[in-house]
Amino acid sequence: MPKIKTNSGSKKRFALTGTGKIKRKHAFHSHILTKKTKKQKRNLVHSGLVANANLDQVKELLCMK
């Protein structure tokens, strides 16, 4: 049985917290920032947690299942 490889894109985008939750960054903060308000850009800086609806998919990509 071959080893299962972790998805390369996923391992760059997600990180584990100390309690085992999966941390993510917000989209829409890399370019075309001139038309976005200061408030929008400021709120996109903070990281969030992966939603329960997507948790199984992300865990599979990270080979945690």
N, C-alpha and C. Protein backbone atom coordinates (compact mmCIF):
# COMPACT_ATOMS: atom_id res chain seq x y z
N MET A 1 0.85 -1.19 0.00
CA MET A 1 0.00 0.00 0.00
C MET A 1 0.89 1.25 0.00
N PRO A 2 0.76 2.14 -1.01
CA PRO A 2 1.61 3.33 -1.05
C PRO A 2 1.19 4.36 -0.01
N LYS A 3 2.13 5.23 0.31
CA LYS A 3 1.81 6.30 1.24
C LYS A 3 0.89 7.30 0.56
N ILE A 4 0.03 7.96 1.34
CA ILE A 4 -0.86 8.98 0.80
C ILE A 4 -0.16 10.33 0.92
N LYS A 5 -0.08 11.04 -0.19
CA LYS A 5 0.59 12.33 -0.19
C LYS A 5 -0.36 13.44 0.25
N THR A 6 0.16 14.38 1.01
CA THR A 6 -0.58 15.57 1.40
C THR A 6 -0.69 16.48 0.19
N ASN A 7 -1.83 17.13 0.02
CA ASN A 7 -2.01 18.08 -1.07
C ASN A 7 -1.10 19.29 -0.86
N SER A 8 -0.24 19.57 -1.84
CA SER A 8 0.78 20.62 -1.69
C SER A 8 0.19 22.00 -1.49
N GLY A 9 -0.90 22.30 -2.20
CA GLY A 9 -1.54 23.60 -2.05
C GLY A 9 -2.16 23.77 -0.68
N SER A 10 -2.71 22.69 -0.15
CA SER A 10 -3.38 22.76 1.15
C SER A 10 -2.39 22.95 2.29
N LYS A 11 -1.25 22.29 2.21
CA LYS A 11 -0.32 22.41 3.34
C LYS A 11 0.28 23.81 3.44
N LYS A 12 0.22 24.58 2.33
CA LYS A 12 0.68 25.97 2.37
C LYS A 12 -0.39 26.92 2.90
N ARG A 13 -1.65 26.51 2.77
CA ARG A 13 -2.76 27.41 3.10
C ARG A 13 -3.37 27.20 4.48
N PHE A 14 -3.19 26.04 5.06
CA PHE A 14 -3.82 25.73 6.34
C PHE A 14 -2.76 25.42 7.40
N ALA A 15 -3.10 25.70 8.66
CA ALA A 15 -2.20 25.40 9.78
C ALA A 15 -3.02 24.86 10.94
N LEU A 16 -2.42 24.02 11.74
CA LEU A 16 -3.09 23.46 12.91
C LEU A 16 -2.88 24.34 14.13
N THR A 17 -3.92 24.47 14.94
CA THR A 17 -3.78 25.17 16.21
C THR A 17 -3.35 24.16 17.28
N GLY A 18 -3.08 24.64 18.45
CA GLY A 18 -2.66 23.76 19.54
C GLY A 18 -3.73 22.79 19.97
N THR A 19 -4.99 23.18 19.79
CA THR A 19 -6.11 22.32 20.19
C THR A 19 -6.57 21.40 19.07
N GLY A 20 -5.92 21.47 17.91
CA GLY A 20 -6.25 20.57 16.82
C GLY A 20 -7.22 21.12 15.79
N LYS A 21 -7.59 22.39 15.95
CA LYS A 21 -8.46 23.01 14.95
C LYS A 21 -7.61 23.45 13.76
N ILE A 22 -8.26 23.72 12.63
CA ILE A 22 -7.53 24.09 11.42
C ILE A 22 -7.75 25.58 11.15
N LYS A 23 -6.63 26.30 11.06
CA LYS A 23 -6.64 27.74 10.85
C LYS A 23 -6.54 28.04 9.36
N ARG A 24 -7.18 29.13 8.92
CA ARG A 24 -7.11 29.54 7.52
C ARG A 24 -6.98 31.05 7.43
N LYS A 25 -6.60 31.53 6.25
CA LYS A 25 -6.53 32.97 6.01
C LYS A 25 -7.69 33.37 5.12
N HIS A 26 -8.02 34.65 5.14
CA HIS A 26 -9.10 35.17 4.30
C HIS A 26 -8.64 35.36 2.88
N ALA A 27 -9.54 35.18 1.95
CA ALA A 27 -9.27 35.45 0.53
C ALA A 27 -9.47 36.94 0.26
N PHE A 28 -9.20 37.37 -0.94
CA PHE A 28 -9.42 38.74 -1.42
C PHE A 28 -8.53 39.78 -0.74
N HIS A 29 -7.35 39.38 -0.28
CA HIS A 29 -6.46 40.36 0.36
C HIS A 29 -5.09 40.41 -0.32
N SER A 30 -5.01 39.91 -1.57
CA SER A 30 -3.70 39.86 -2.22
C SER A 30 -3.50 40.94 -3.26
N HIS A 31 -4.53 41.30 -3.99
CA HIS A 31 -4.40 42.35 -5.00
C HIS A 31 -5.74 43.02 -5.26
N ILE A 32 -5.73 44.05 -6.09
CA ILE A 32 -6.90 44.91 -6.34
C ILE A 32 -7.43 45.46 -5.01
N LEU A 33 -6.54 46.06 -4.25
CA LEU A 33 -6.90 46.55 -2.93
C LEU A 33 -7.34 48.02 -2.95
N THR A 34 -7.13 48.71 -4.08
CA THR A 34 -7.44 50.14 -4.12
C THR A 34 -8.94 50.41 -4.03
N LYS A 35 -9.75 49.51 -4.55
CA LYS A 35 -11.20 49.73 -4.52
C LYS A 35 -11.84 49.24 -3.23
N LYS A 36 -11.08 48.57 -2.37
CA LYS A 36 -11.64 48.08 -1.12
C LYS A 36 -11.43 49.12 -0.02
N THR A 37 -12.37 49.19 0.88
CA THR A 37 -12.30 50.17 1.96
C THR A 37 -11.26 49.72 3.00
N LYS A 38 -10.84 50.67 3.82
CA LYS A 38 -9.88 50.36 4.88
C LYS A 38 -10.44 49.30 5.83
N LYS A 39 -11.72 49.43 6.13
CA LYS A 39 -12.37 48.49 7.04
C LYS A 39 -12.36 47.07 6.47
N GLN A 40 -12.65 46.96 5.17
CA GLN A 40 -12.64 45.66 4.51
C GLN A 40 -11.26 45.03 4.60
N LYS A 41 -10.23 45.80 4.25
CA LYS A 41 -8.86 45.28 4.24
C LYS A 41 -8.39 44.90 5.64
N ARG A 42 -8.77 45.71 6.61
CA ARG A 42 -8.39 45.44 7.99
C ARG A 42 -9.02 44.13 8.49
N ASN A 43 -10.27 43.91 8.12
CA ASN A 43 -10.96 42.69 8.57
C ASN A 43 -10.46 41.44 7.86
N LEU A 44 -9.85 41.59 6.69
CA LEU A 44 -9.32 40.44 5.96
C LEU A 44 -7.96 39.99 6.50
N VAL A 45 -7.32 40.82 7.32
CA VAL A 45 -6.00 40.49 7.87
C VAL A 45 -6.08 39.33 8.85
N HIS A 46 -7.13 39.30 9.65
CA HIS A 46 -7.24 38.31 10.72
C HIS A 46 -7.49 36.91 10.14
N SER A 47 -6.91 35.92 10.79
CA SER A 47 -7.14 34.55 10.35
C SER A 47 -8.40 34.01 11.02
N GLY A 48 -8.97 32.98 10.42
CA GLY A 48 -10.18 32.37 10.96
C GLY A 48 -10.01 30.87 11.05
N LEU A 49 -11.06 30.19 11.40
CA LEU A 49 -11.05 28.73 11.47
C LEU A 49 -11.88 28.17 10.32
N VAL A 50 -11.52 26.99 9.88
CA VAL A 50 -12.27 26.32 8.81
C VAL A 50 -13.66 25.97 9.33
N ALA A 51 -14.66 26.25 8.52
CA ALA A 51 -16.06 25.99 8.91
C ALA A 51 -16.31 24.49 9.01
N ASN A 52 -17.26 24.12 9.83
CA ASN A 52 -17.60 22.71 10.03
C ASN A 52 -18.04 22.03 8.73
N ALA A 53 -18.66 22.80 7.83
CA ALA A 53 -19.13 22.25 6.57
C ALA A 53 -17.96 21.79 5.69
N ASN A 54 -16.81 22.44 5.81
CA ASN A 54 -15.65 22.13 4.97
C ASN A 54 -14.58 21.33 5.69
N LEU A 55 -14.79 21.05 6.95
CA LEU A 55 -13.75 20.43 7.78
C LEU A 55 -13.31 19.06 7.26
N ASP A 56 -14.25 18.23 6.86
CA ASP A 56 -13.91 16.89 6.38
C ASP A 56 -13.09 16.95 5.10
N GLN A 57 -13.43 17.86 4.19
CA GLN A 57 -12.69 17.99 2.94
C GLN A 57 -11.26 18.44 3.19
N VAL A 58 -11.09 19.41 4.07
CA VAL A 58 -9.75 19.95 4.36
C VAL A 58 -8.91 18.89 5.07
N LYS A 59 -9.51 18.15 6.00
CA LYS A 59 -8.78 17.09 6.70
C LYS A 59 -8.30 16.01 5.73
N GLU A 60 -9.12 15.72 4.73
CA GLU A 60 -8.74 14.72 3.74
C GLU A 60 -7.56 15.21 2.89
N LEU A 61 -7.57 16.49 2.54
CA LEU A 61 -6.46 17.07 1.77
C LEU A 61 -5.17 17.07 2.56
N LEU A 62 -5.28 17.24 3.89
CA LEU A 62 -4.10 17.28 4.76
C LEU A 62 -3.73 15.90 5.29
N CYS A 63 -4.41 14.87 4.81
CA CYS A 63 -4.18 13.48 5.23
C CYS A 63 -4.32 13.31 6.74
N MET A 64 -5.35 13.89 7.30
CA MET A 64 -5.62 13.78 8.73
C MET A 64 -6.77 12.81 8.98
N LYS A 65 -7.28 12.18 7.93
CA LYS A 65 -8.41 11.26 8.06
C LYS A 65 -7.99 9.86 7.75
